[in-house]
Amino acid sequence: KEGERILAKIKEQEYVFALAINGKNPSSEDFAATLDKLQTSGKSQFVFVIGGSLGLSDQVLKRSNAQISFGKMTYPHQLMRLILVEQIYRAFRINTGGPYHK
């Protein structure tokens, strides 16, 4: 049911990143480069899906355009949201040459 609710909110034109424990584990620089490449190729609407305690449904994983992981550790949903927002911010700072990234 959770997967159906998630899919109902995703629009066709949106690029979907599923946060999945078995996804690719990019560096901050690789993640920044991916976002930059997508934006350059006309993708401007990104959706990041964080699963619940049972993970993501197969349907959500199939709908995703990419699966990324922040490691094998498990984080509380609220903390993962914060980590994700920080990495998105870091990616944009990297792509604009800002001083945030160390």
PDB file of N, CA and C in Angstrom:
ATOM      1  N   LYS A   1       0.824  -1.199   0.000  1.00  0.00           N
ATOM      2  CA  LYS A   1       0.000   0.000   0.000  1.00  0.00           C
ATOM      3  C   LYS A   1       0.868   1.262   0.000  1.00  0.00           C
ATOM      4  N   GLU A   2       1.976   1.214   0.768  1.00  0.00           N
ATOM      5  CA  GLU A   2       2.855   2.380   0.802  1.00  0.00           C
ATOM      6  C   GLU A   2       3.392   2.683  -0.597  1.00  0.00           C
ATOM      7  N   GLY A   3       3.794   1.641  -1.322  1.00  0.00           N
ATOM      8  CA  GLY A   3       4.306   1.820  -2.672  1.00  0.00           C
ATOM      9  C   GLY A   3       3.284   2.453  -3.591  1.00  0.00           C
ATOM     10  N   GLU A   4       2.044   2.039  -3.489  1.00  0.00           N
ATOM     11  CA  GLU A   4       0.975   2.614  -4.311  1.00  0.00           C
ATOM     12  C   GLU A   4       0.785   4.090  -3.992  1.00  0.00           C
ATOM     13  N   ARG A   5       0.845   4.450  -2.718  1.00  0.00           N
ATOM     14  CA  ARG A   5       0.693   5.862  -2.324  1.00  0.00           C
ATOM     15  C   ARG A   5       1.860   6.687  -2.847  1.00  0.00           C
ATOM     16  N   ILE A   6       3.053   6.131  -2.795  1.00  0.00           N
ATOM     17  CA  ILE A   6       4.221   6.846  -3.304  1.00  0.00           C
ATOM     18  C   ILE A   6       4.087   7.061  -4.807  1.00  0.00           C
ATOM     19  N   LEU A   7       3.773   6.000  -5.535  1.00  0.00           N
ATOM     20  CA  LEU A   7       3.668   6.088  -6.999  1.00  0.00           C
ATOM     21  C   LEU A   7       2.577   7.063  -7.439  1.00  0.00           C
ATOM     22  N   ALA A   8       1.509   7.167  -6.657  1.00  0.00           N
ATOM     23  CA  ALA A   8       0.418   8.083  -7.001  1.00  0.00           C
ATOM     24  C   ALA A   8       0.865   9.543  -6.969  1.00  0.00           C
ATOM     25  N   LYS A   9       1.939   9.839  -6.247  1.00  0.00           N
ATOM     26  CA  LYS A   9       2.422  11.221  -6.120  1.00  0.00           C
ATOM     27  C   LYS A   9       3.499  11.569  -7.145  1.00  0.00           C
ATOM     28  N   ILE A  10       4.036  10.587  -7.844  1.00  0.00           N
ATOM     29  CA  ILE A  10       5.128  10.819  -8.788  1.00  0.00           C
ATOM     30  C   ILE A  10       4.563  11.101 -10.174  1.00  0.00           C
ATOM     31  N   LYS A  11       5.020  12.207 -10.755  1.00  0.00           N
ATOM     32  CA  LYS A  11       4.582  12.582 -12.108  1.00  0.00           C
ATOM     33  C   LYS A  11       5.501  11.933 -13.137  1.00  0.00           C
ATOM     34  N   GLU A  12       4.964  11.749 -14.334  1.00  0.00           N
ATOM     35  CA  GLU A  12       5.693  11.055 -15.396  1.00  0.00           C
ATOM     36  C   GLU A  12       7.030  11.717 -15.735  1.00  0.00           C
ATOM     37  N   GLN A  13       7.079  13.042 -15.736  1.00  0.00           N
ATOM     38  CA  GLN A  13       8.285  13.758 -16.151  1.00  0.00           C
ATOM     39  C   GLN A  13       9.352  13.851 -15.057  1.00  0.00           C
ATOM     40  N   GLU A  14       9.040  13.407 -13.862  1.00  0.00           N
ATOM     41  CA  GLU A  14       9.982  13.526 -12.754  1.00  0.00           C
ATOM     42  C   GLU A  14      11.038  12.421 -12.795  1.00  0.00           C
ATOM     43  N   TYR A  15      12.259  12.800 -12.486  1.00  0.00           N
ATOM     44  CA  TYR A  15      13.368  11.860 -12.392  1.00  0.00           C
ATOM     45  C   TYR A  15      13.409  11.372 -10.956  1.00  0.00           C
ATOM     46  N   VAL A  16      13.325  10.077 -10.777  1.00  0.00           N
ATOM     47  CA  VAL A  16      13.162   9.507  -9.440  1.00  0.00           C
ATOM     48  C   VAL A  16      14.445   8.821  -8.963  1.00  0.00           C
ATOM     49  N   PHE A  17      14.923   9.293  -7.824  1.00  0.00           N
ATOM     50  CA  PHE A  17      16.011   8.634  -7.113  1.00  0.00           C
ATOM     51  C   PHE A  17      15.382   7.861  -5.966  1.00  0.00           C
ATOM     52  N   ALA A  18      15.569   6.558  -5.963  1.00  0.00           N
ATOM     53  CA  ALA A  18      15.111   5.745  -4.839  1.00  0.00           C
ATOM     54  C   ALA A  18      16.298   5.523  -3.915  1.00  0.00           C
ATOM     55  N   LEU A  19      16.130   5.829  -2.651  1.00  0.00           N
ATOM     56  CA  LEU A  19      17.177   5.543  -1.680  1.00  0.00           C
ATOM     57  C   LEU A  19      17.016   4.085  -1.267  1.00  0.00           C
ATOM     58  N   ALA A  20      17.960   3.273  -1.719  1.00  0.00           N
ATOM     59  CA  ALA A  20      17.876   1.826  -1.516  1.00  0.00           C
ATOM     60  C   ALA A  20      19.216   1.313  -1.024  1.00  0.00           C
ATOM     61  N   ILE A  21      19.183   0.449  -0.047  1.00  0.00           N
ATOM     62  CA  ILE A  21      20.425  -0.031   0.555  1.00  0.00           C
ATOM     63  C   ILE A  21      21.351  -0.696  -0.466  1.00  0.00           C
ATOM     64  N   ASN A  22      20.789  -1.262  -1.525  1.00  0.00           N
ATOM     65  CA  ASN A  22      21.597  -1.908  -2.556  1.00  0.00           C
ATOM     66  C   ASN A  22      21.879  -0.995  -3.743  1.00  0.00           C
ATOM     67  N   GLY A  23      21.541   0.271  -3.617  1.00  0.00           N
ATOM     68  CA  GLY A  23      21.805   1.220  -4.693  1.00  0.00           C
ATOM     69  C   GLY A  23      23.277   1.579  -4.770  1.00  0.00           C
ATOM     70  N   LYS A  24      23.619   2.368  -5.794  1.00  0.00           N
ATOM     71  CA  LYS A  24      24.993   2.848  -5.931  1.00  0.00           C
ATOM     72  C   LYS A  24      25.308   3.796  -4.783  1.00  0.00           C
ATOM     73  N   ASN A  25      26.549   3.790  -4.354  1.00  0.00           N
ATOM     74  CA  ASN A  25      26.984   4.619  -3.238  1.00  0.00           C
ATOM     75  C   ASN A  25      27.942   5.686  -3.782  1.00  0.00           C
ATOM     76  N   PRO A  26      27.392   6.777  -4.343  1.00  0.00           N
ATOM     77  CA  PRO A  26      28.262   7.764  -4.984  1.00  0.00           C
ATOM     78  C   PRO A  26      28.974   8.657  -3.972  1.00  0.00           C
ATOM     79  N   SER A  27      30.105   9.196  -4.394  1.00  0.00           N
ATOM     80  CA  SER A  27      30.744  10.244  -3.595  1.00  0.00           C
ATOM     81  C   SER A  27      29.931  11.516  -3.772  1.00  0.00           C
ATOM     82  N   SER A  28      30.196  12.512  -2.952  1.00  0.00           N
ATOM     83  CA  SER A  28      29.497  13.796  -3.103  1.00  0.00           C
ATOM     84  C   SER A  28      29.765  14.388  -4.475  1.00  0.00           C
ATOM     85  N   GLU A  29      31.000  14.253  -4.958  1.00  0.00           N
ATOM     86  CA  GLU A  29      31.359  14.790  -6.282  1.00  0.00           C
ATOM     87  C   GLU A  29      30.625  14.048  -7.394  1.00  0.00           C
ATOM     88  N   ASP A  30      30.509  12.719  -7.271  1.00  0.00           N
ATOM     89  CA  ASP A  30      29.777  11.942  -8.276  1.00  0.00           C
ATOM     90  C   ASP A  30      28.296  12.295  -8.276  1.00  0.00           C
ATOM     91  N   PHE A  31      27.729  12.461  -7.100  1.00  0.00           N
ATOM     92  CA  PHE A  31      26.320  12.839  -6.986  1.00  0.00           C
ATOM     93  C   PHE A  31      26.091  14.212  -7.616  1.00  0.00           C
ATOM     94  N   ALA A  32      26.994  15.147  -7.337  1.00  0.00           N
ATOM     95  CA  ALA A  32      26.904  16.483  -7.925  1.00  0.00           C
ATOM     96  C   ALA A  32      26.983  16.404  -9.451  1.00  0.00           C
ATOM     97  N   ALA A  33      27.901  15.602  -9.954  1.00  0.00           N
ATOM     98  CA  ALA A  33      28.056  15.462 -11.406  1.00  0.00           C
ATOM     99  C   ALA A  33      26.802  14.857 -12.035  1.00  0.00           C
ATOM    100  N   THR A  34      26.190  13.899 -11.352  1.00  0.00           N
ATOM    101  CA  THR A  34      24.954  13.291 -11.860  1.00  0.00           C
ATOM    102  C   THR A  34      23.845  14.329 -11.961  1.00  0.00           C
ATOM    103  N   LEU A  35      23.655  15.125 -10.907  1.00  0.00           N
ATOM    104  CA  LEU A  35      22.615  16.156 -10.944  1.00  0.00           C
ATOM    105  C   LEU A  35      22.898  17.178 -12.040  1.00  0.00           C
ATOM    106  N   ASP A  36      24.161  17.562 -12.184  1.00  0.00           N
ATOM    107  CA  ASP A  36      24.538  18.531 -13.210  1.00  0.00           C
ATOM    108  C   ASP A  36      24.257  17.985 -14.604  1.00  0.00           C
ATOM    109  N   LYS A  37      24.629  16.742 -14.838  1.00  0.00           N
ATOM    110  CA  LYS A  37      24.394  16.112 -16.143  1.00  0.00           C
ATOM    111  C   LYS A  37      22.894  16.029 -16.450  1.00  0.00           C
ATOM    112  N   LEU A  38      22.113  15.643 -15.460  1.00  0.00           N
ATOM    113  CA  LEU A  38      20.664  15.554 -15.663  1.00  0.00           C
ATOM    114  C   LEU A  38      20.067  16.920 -15.995  1.00  0.00           C
ATOM    115  N   GLN A  39      20.496  17.945 -15.270  1.00  0.00           N
ATOM    116  CA  GLN A  39      19.974  19.284 -15.523  1.00  0.00           C
ATOM    117  C   GLN A  39      20.382  19.776 -16.906  1.00  0.00           C
ATOM    118  N   THR A  40      21.597  19.480 -17.298  1.00  0.00           N
ATOM    119  CA  THR A  40      22.088  19.882 -18.615  1.00  0.00           C
ATOM    120  C   THR A  40      21.300  19.189 -19.728  1.00  0.00           C
ATOM    121  N   SER A  41      20.844  17.970 -19.453  1.00  0.00           N
ATOM    122  CA  SER A  41      20.083  17.225 -20.461  1.00  0.00           C
ATOM    123  C   SER A  41      18.578  17.491 -20.381  1.00  0.00           C
ATOM    124  N   GLY A  42      18.169  18.475 -19.592  1.00  0.00           N
ATOM    125  CA  GLY A  42      16.768  18.885 -19.571  1.00  0.00           C
ATOM    126  C   GLY A  42      15.931  18.348 -18.434  1.00  0.00           C
ATOM    127  N   LYS A  43      16.514  17.607 -17.539  1.00  0.00           N
ATOM    128  CA  LYS A  43      15.758  17.114 -16.376  1.00  0.00           C
ATOM    129  C   LYS A  43      15.831  18.172 -15.279  1.00  0.00           C
ATOM    130  N   SER A  44      14.692  18.624 -14.828  1.00  0.00           N
ATOM    131  CA  SER A  44      14.696  19.664 -13.798  1.00  0.00           C
ATOM    132  C   SER A  44      13.814  19.326 -12.606  1.00  0.00           C
ATOM    133  N   GLN A  45      13.123  18.218 -12.685  1.00  0.00           N
ATOM    134  CA  GLN A  45      12.248  17.835 -11.585  1.00  0.00           C
ATOM    135  C   GLN A  45      12.723  16.494 -11.013  1.00  0.00           C
ATOM    136  N   PHE A  46      13.259  16.572  -9.804  1.00  0.00           N
ATOM    137  CA  PHE A  46      13.788  15.384  -9.145  1.00  0.00           C
ATOM    138  C   PHE A  46      12.900  14.995  -7.976  1.00  0.00           C
ATOM    139  N   VAL A  47      12.752  13.699  -7.788  1.00  0.00           N
ATOM    140  CA  VAL A  47      12.028  13.158  -6.645  1.00  0.00           C
ATOM    141  C   VAL A  47      12.967  12.181  -5.955  1.00  0.00           C
ATOM    142  N   PHE A  48      13.073  12.311  -4.652  1.00  0.00           N
ATOM    143  CA  PHE A  48      13.882  11.402  -3.855  1.00  0.00           C
ATOM    144  C   PHE A  48      12.928  10.623  -2.961  1.00  0.00           C
ATOM    145  N   VAL A  49      12.955   9.302  -3.071  1.00  0.00           N
ATOM    146  CA  VAL A  49      12.027   8.465  -2.319  1.00  0.00           C
ATOM    147  C   VAL A  49      12.801   7.723  -1.237  1.00  0.00           C
ATOM    148  N   ILE A  50      12.401   7.953  -0.004  1.00  0.00           N
ATOM    149  CA  ILE A  50      12.977   7.264   1.147  1.00  0.00           C
ATOM    150  C   ILE A  50      11.940   6.268   1.635  1.00  0.00           C
ATOM    151  N   GLY A  51      12.317   5.029   1.693  1.00  0.00           N
ATOM    152  CA  GLY A  51      11.382   3.992   2.116  1.00  0.00           C
ATOM    153  C   GLY A  51      11.170   3.967   3.615  1.00  0.00           C
ATOM    154  N   GLY A  52      10.154   3.272   3.998  1.00  0.00           N
ATOM    155  CA  GLY A  52       9.863   3.076   5.413  1.00  0.00           C
ATOM    156  C   GLY A  52      10.727   1.960   5.979  1.00  0.00           C
ATOM    157  N   SER A  53      10.349   1.458   7.125  1.00  0.00           N
ATOM    158  CA  SER A  53      11.154   0.440   7.814  1.00  0.00           C
ATOM    159  C   SER A  53      11.234  -0.869   7.032  1.00  0.00           C
ATOM    160  N   LEU A  54      10.319  -1.091   6.125  1.00  0.00           N
ATOM    161  CA  LEU A  54      10.336  -2.317   5.316  1.00  0.00           C
ATOM    162  C   LEU A  54      10.996  -2.114   3.961  1.00  0.00           C
ATOM    163  N   GLY A  55      11.538  -0.920   3.718  1.00  0.00           N
ATOM    164  CA  GLY A  55      12.154  -0.639   2.423  1.00  0.00           C
ATOM    165  C   GLY A  55      11.123  -0.178   1.416  1.00  0.00           C
ATOM    166  N   LEU A  56      11.516  -0.195   0.154  1.00  0.00           N
ATOM    167  CA  LEU A  56      10.634   0.248  -0.923  1.00  0.00           C
ATOM    168  C   LEU A  56      10.056  -0.944  -1.670  1.00  0.00           C
ATOM    169  N   SER A  57       8.852  -0.773  -2.170  1.00  0.00           N
ATOM    170  CA  SER A  57       8.217  -1.852  -2.931  1.00  0.00           C
ATOM    171  C   SER A  57       8.929  -2.040  -4.266  1.00  0.00           C
ATOM    172  N   ASP A  58       8.770  -3.222  -4.834  1.00  0.00           N
ATOM    173  CA  ASP A  58       9.364  -3.506  -6.143  1.00  0.00           C
ATOM    174  C   ASP A  58       8.860  -2.533  -7.205  1.00  0.00           C
ATOM    175  N   GLN A  59       7.579  -2.129  -7.105  1.00  0.00           N
ATOM    176  CA  GLN A  59       7.021  -1.209  -8.088  1.00  0.00           C
ATOM    177  C   GLN A  59       7.704   0.154  -8.022  1.00  0.00           C
ATOM    178  N   VAL A  60       7.997   0.622  -6.831  1.00  0.00           N
ATOM    179  CA  VAL A  60       8.683   1.908  -6.678  1.00  0.00           C
ATOM    180  C   VAL A  60      10.110   1.790  -7.202  1.00  0.00           C
ATOM    181  N   LEU A  61      10.780   0.710  -6.889  1.00  0.00           N
ATOM    182  CA  LEU A  61      12.145   0.514  -7.385  1.00  0.00           C
ATOM    183  C   LEU A  61      12.171   0.435  -8.905  1.00  0.00           C
ATOM    184  N   LYS A  62      11.175  -0.206  -9.503  1.00  0.00           N
ATOM    185  CA  LYS A  62      11.107  -0.287 -10.965  1.00  0.00           C
ATOM    186  C   LYS A  62      10.838   1.079 -11.580  1.00  0.00           C
ATOM    187  N   ARG A  63      10.044   1.904 -10.919  1.00  0.00           N
ATOM    188  CA  ARG A  63       9.741   3.249 -11.435  1.00  0.00           C
ATOM    189  C   ARG A  63      10.929   4.187 -11.302  1.00  0.00           C
ATOM    190  N   SER A  64      11.801   3.910 -10.371  1.00  0.00           N
ATOM    191  CA  SER A  64      12.932   4.819 -10.151  1.00  0.00           C
ATOM    192  C   SER A  64      13.855   4.828 -11.361  1.00  0.00           C
ATOM    193  N   ASN A  65      14.457   5.983 -11.590  1.00  0.00           N
ATOM    194  CA  ASN A  65      15.454   6.124 -12.646  1.00  0.00           C
ATOM    195  C   ASN A  65      16.840   5.764 -12.142  1.00  0.00           C
ATOM    196  N   ALA A  66      17.051   5.902 -10.851  1.00  0.00           N
ATOM    197  CA  ALA A  66      18.336   5.587 -10.238  1.00  0.00           C
ATOM    198  C   ALA A  66      18.093   5.167  -8.796  1.00  0.00           C
ATOM    199  N   GLN A  67      18.944   4.287  -8.326  1.00  0.00           N
ATOM    200  CA  GLN A  67      18.893   3.876  -6.929  1.00  0.00           C
ATOM    201  C   GLN A  67      20.226   4.238  -6.296  1.00  0.00           C
ATOM    202  N   ILE A  68      20.145   5.012  -5.222  1.00  0.00           N
ATOM    203  CA  ILE A  68      21.361   5.432  -4.532  1.00  0.00           C
ATOM    204  C   ILE A  68      21.305   4.994  -3.077  1.00  0.00           C
ATOM    205  N   SER A  69      22.487   4.876  -2.499  1.00  0.00           N
ATOM    206  CA  SER A  69      22.600   4.452  -1.114  1.00  0.00           C
ATOM    207  C   SER A  69      23.562   5.379  -0.390  1.00  0.00           C
ATOM    208  N   PHE A  70      23.328   5.576   0.866  1.00  0.00           N
ATOM    209  CA  PHE A  70      24.238   6.338   1.709  1.00  0.00           C
ATOM    210  C   PHE A  70      24.965   5.390   2.658  1.00  0.00           C
ATOM    211  N   GLY A  71      25.142   4.148   2.219  1.00  0.00           N
ATOM    212  CA  GLY A  71      25.849   3.163   3.009  1.00  0.00           C
ATOM    213  C   GLY A  71      24.931   2.056   3.473  1.00  0.00           C
ATOM    214  N   LYS A  72      25.516   1.087   4.113  1.00  0.00           N
ATOM    215  CA  LYS A  72      24.770  -0.095   4.569  1.00  0.00           C
ATOM    216  C   LYS A  72      24.080   0.112   5.907  1.00  0.00           C
ATOM    217  N   MET A  73      24.361   1.237   6.552  1.00  0.00           N
ATOM    218  CA  MET A  73      23.742   1.488   7.853  1.00  0.00           C
ATOM    219  C   MET A  73      22.280   1.906   7.669  1.00  0.00           C
ATOM    220  N   THR A  74      21.487   1.661   8.679  1.00  0.00           N
ATOM    221  CA  THR A  74      20.090   2.063   8.679  1.00  0.00           C
ATOM    222  C   THR A  74      19.952   3.343   9.501  1.00  0.00           C
ATOM    223  N   TYR A  75      19.209   4.305   8.962  1.00  0.00           N
ATOM    224  CA  TYR A  75      18.988   5.580   9.642  1.00  0.00           C
ATOM    225  C   TYR A  75      17.494   5.784   9.873  1.00  0.00           C
ATOM    226  N   PRO A  76      17.127   6.508  10.919  1.00  0.00           N
ATOM    227  CA  PRO A  76      15.721   6.886  11.080  1.00  0.00           C
ATOM    228  C   PRO A  76      15.303   7.768   9.896  1.00  0.00           C
ATOM    229  N   HIS A  77      14.054   7.648   9.510  1.00  0.00           N
ATOM    230  CA  HIS A  77      13.529   8.375   8.351  1.00  0.00           C
ATOM    231  C   HIS A  77      13.833   9.879   8.437  1.00  0.00           C
ATOM    232  N   GLN A  78      13.583  10.475   9.581  1.00  0.00           N
ATOM    233  CA  GLN A  78      13.781  11.916   9.732  1.00  0.00           C
ATOM    234  C   GLN A  78      15.254  12.292   9.586  1.00  0.00           C
ATOM    235  N   LEU A  79      16.151  11.482  10.100  1.00  0.00           N
ATOM    236  CA  LEU A  79      17.577  11.758   9.970  1.00  0.00           C
ATOM    237  C   LEU A  79      18.021  11.589   8.518  1.00  0.00           C
ATOM    238  N   MET A  80      17.495  10.599   7.828  1.00  0.00           N
ATOM    239  CA  MET A  80      17.859  10.394   6.423  1.00  0.00           C
ATOM    240  C   MET A  80      17.424  11.581   5.579  1.00  0.00           C
ATOM    241  N   ARG A  81      16.286  12.159   5.901  1.00  0.00           N
ATOM    242  CA  ARG A  81      15.839  13.358   5.176  1.00  0.00           C
ATOM    243  C   ARG A  81      16.844  14.486   5.333  1.00  0.00           C
ATOM    244  N   LEU A  82      17.355  14.671   6.540  1.00  0.00           N
ATOM    245  CA  LEU A  82      18.343  15.714   6.798  1.00  0.00           C
ATOM    246  C   LEU A  82      19.648  15.435   6.044  1.00  0.00           C
ATOM    247  N   ILE A  83      20.109  14.197   6.088  1.00  0.00           N
ATOM    248  CA  ILE A  83      21.333  13.823   5.374  1.00  0.00           C
ATOM    249  C   ILE A  83      21.154  14.054   3.879  1.00  0.00           C
ATOM    250  N   LEU A  84      20.020  13.669   3.340  1.00  0.00           N
ATOM    251  CA  LEU A  84      19.749  13.851   1.914  1.00  0.00           C
ATOM    252  C   LEU A  84      19.738  15.325   1.529  1.00  0.00           C
ATOM    253  N   VAL A  85      19.053  16.154   2.304  1.00  0.00           N
ATOM    254  CA  VAL A  85      18.997  17.592   2.016  1.00  0.00           C
ATOM    255  C   VAL A  85      20.408  18.193   2.039  1.00  0.00           C
ATOM    256  N   GLU A  86      21.208  17.765   3.007  1.00  0.00           N
ATOM    257  CA  GLU A  86      22.569  18.281   3.089  1.00  0.00           C
ATOM    258  C   GLU A  86      23.377  17.869   1.858  1.00  0.00           C
ATOM    259  N   GLN A  87      23.201  16.658   1.376  1.00  0.00           N
ATOM    260  CA  GLN A  87      23.947  16.206   0.202  1.00  0.00           C
ATOM    261  C   GLN A  87      23.474  16.903  -1.074  1.00  0.00           C
ATOM    262  N   ILE A  88      22.195  17.193  -1.164  1.00  0.00           N
ATOM    263  CA  ILE A  88      21.695  17.954  -2.321  1.00  0.00           C
ATOM    264  C   ILE A  88      22.278  19.362  -2.290  1.00  0.00           C
ATOM    265  N   TYR A  89      22.269  19.992  -1.124  1.00  0.00           N
ATOM    266  CA  TYR A  89      22.858  21.327  -0.977  1.00  0.00           C
ATOM    267  C   TYR A  89      24.341  21.289  -1.340  1.00  0.00           C
ATOM    268  N   ARG A  90      25.051  20.289  -0.825  1.00  0.00           N
ATOM    269  CA  ARG A  90      26.475  20.144  -1.106  1.00  0.00           C
ATOM    270  C   ARG A  90      26.699  19.981  -2.614  1.00  0.00           C
ATOM    271  N   ALA A  91      25.859  19.194  -3.275  1.00  0.00           N
ATOM    272  CA  ALA A  91      25.992  18.979  -4.720  1.00  0.00           C
ATOM    273  C   ALA A  91      25.857  20.292  -5.480  1.00  0.00           C
ATOM    274  N   PHE A  92      24.895  21.107  -5.098  1.00  0.00           N
ATOM    275  CA  PHE A  92      24.718  22.390  -5.788  1.00  0.00           C
ATOM    276  C   PHE A  92      25.881  23.329  -5.507  1.00  0.00           C
ATOM    277  N   ARG A  93      26.424  23.280  -4.314  1.00  0.00           N
ATOM    278  CA  ARG A  93      27.607  24.107  -4.003  1.00  0.00           C
ATOM    279  C   ARG A  93      28.815  23.633  -4.809  1.00  0.00           C
ATOM    280  N   ILE A  94      28.986  22.336  -4.953  1.00  0.00           N
ATOM    281  CA  ILE A  94      30.071  21.797  -5.773  1.00  0.00           C
ATOM    282  C   ILE A  94      29.906  22.268  -7.214  1.00  0.00           C
ATOM    283  N   ASN A  95      28.682  22.160  -7.724  1.00  0.00           N
ATOM    284  CA  ASN A  95      28.434  22.497  -9.136  1.00  0.00           C
ATOM    285  C   ASN A  95      28.554  23.983  -9.423  1.00  0.00           C
ATOM    286  N   THR A  96      28.406  24.826  -8.406  1.00  0.00           N
ATOM    287  CA  THR A  96      28.540  26.269  -8.628  1.00  0.00           C
ATOM    288  C   THR A  96      29.881  26.796  -8.152  1.00  0.00           C
ATOM    289  N   GLY A  97      30.745  25.895  -7.693  1.00  0.00           N
ATOM    290  CA  GLY A  97      32.066  26.310  -7.251  1.00  0.00           C
ATOM    291  C   GLY A  97      32.057  27.043  -5.919  1.00  0.00           C
ATOM    292  N   GLY A  98      31.017  26.815  -5.138  1.00  0.00           N
ATOM    293  CA  GLY A  98      30.895  27.495  -3.845  1.00  0.00           C
ATOM    294  C   GLY A  98      31.867  26.959  -2.824  1.00  0.00           C
ATOM    295  N   PRO A  99      32.077  27.702  -1.752  1.00  0.00           N
ATOM    296  CA  PRO A  99      33.065  27.314  -0.745  1.00  0.00           C
ATOM    297  C   PRO A  99      32.590  26.280   0.270  1.00  0.00           C
ATOM    298  N   TYR A 100      31.360  25.844   0.211  1.00  0.00           N
ATOM    299  CA  TYR A 100      30.830  24.945   1.231  1.00  0.00           C
ATOM    300  C   TYR A 100      31.527  23.601   1.238  1.00  0.00           C
ATOM    301  N   HIS A 101      31.734  23.030   0.057  1.00  0.00           N
ATOM    302  CA  HIS A 101      32.284  21.685  -0.036  1.00  0.00           C
ATOM    303  C   HIS A 101      33.751  21.667   0.400  1.00  0.00           C
ATOM    304  N   LYS A 102      34.100  20.687   1.228  1.00  0.00           N
ATOM    305  CA  LYS A 102      35.479  20.573   1.716  1.00  0.00           C
ATOM    306  C   LYS A 102      36.068  19.258   1.288  1.00  0.00           C
TER     307      LYS A 102
END
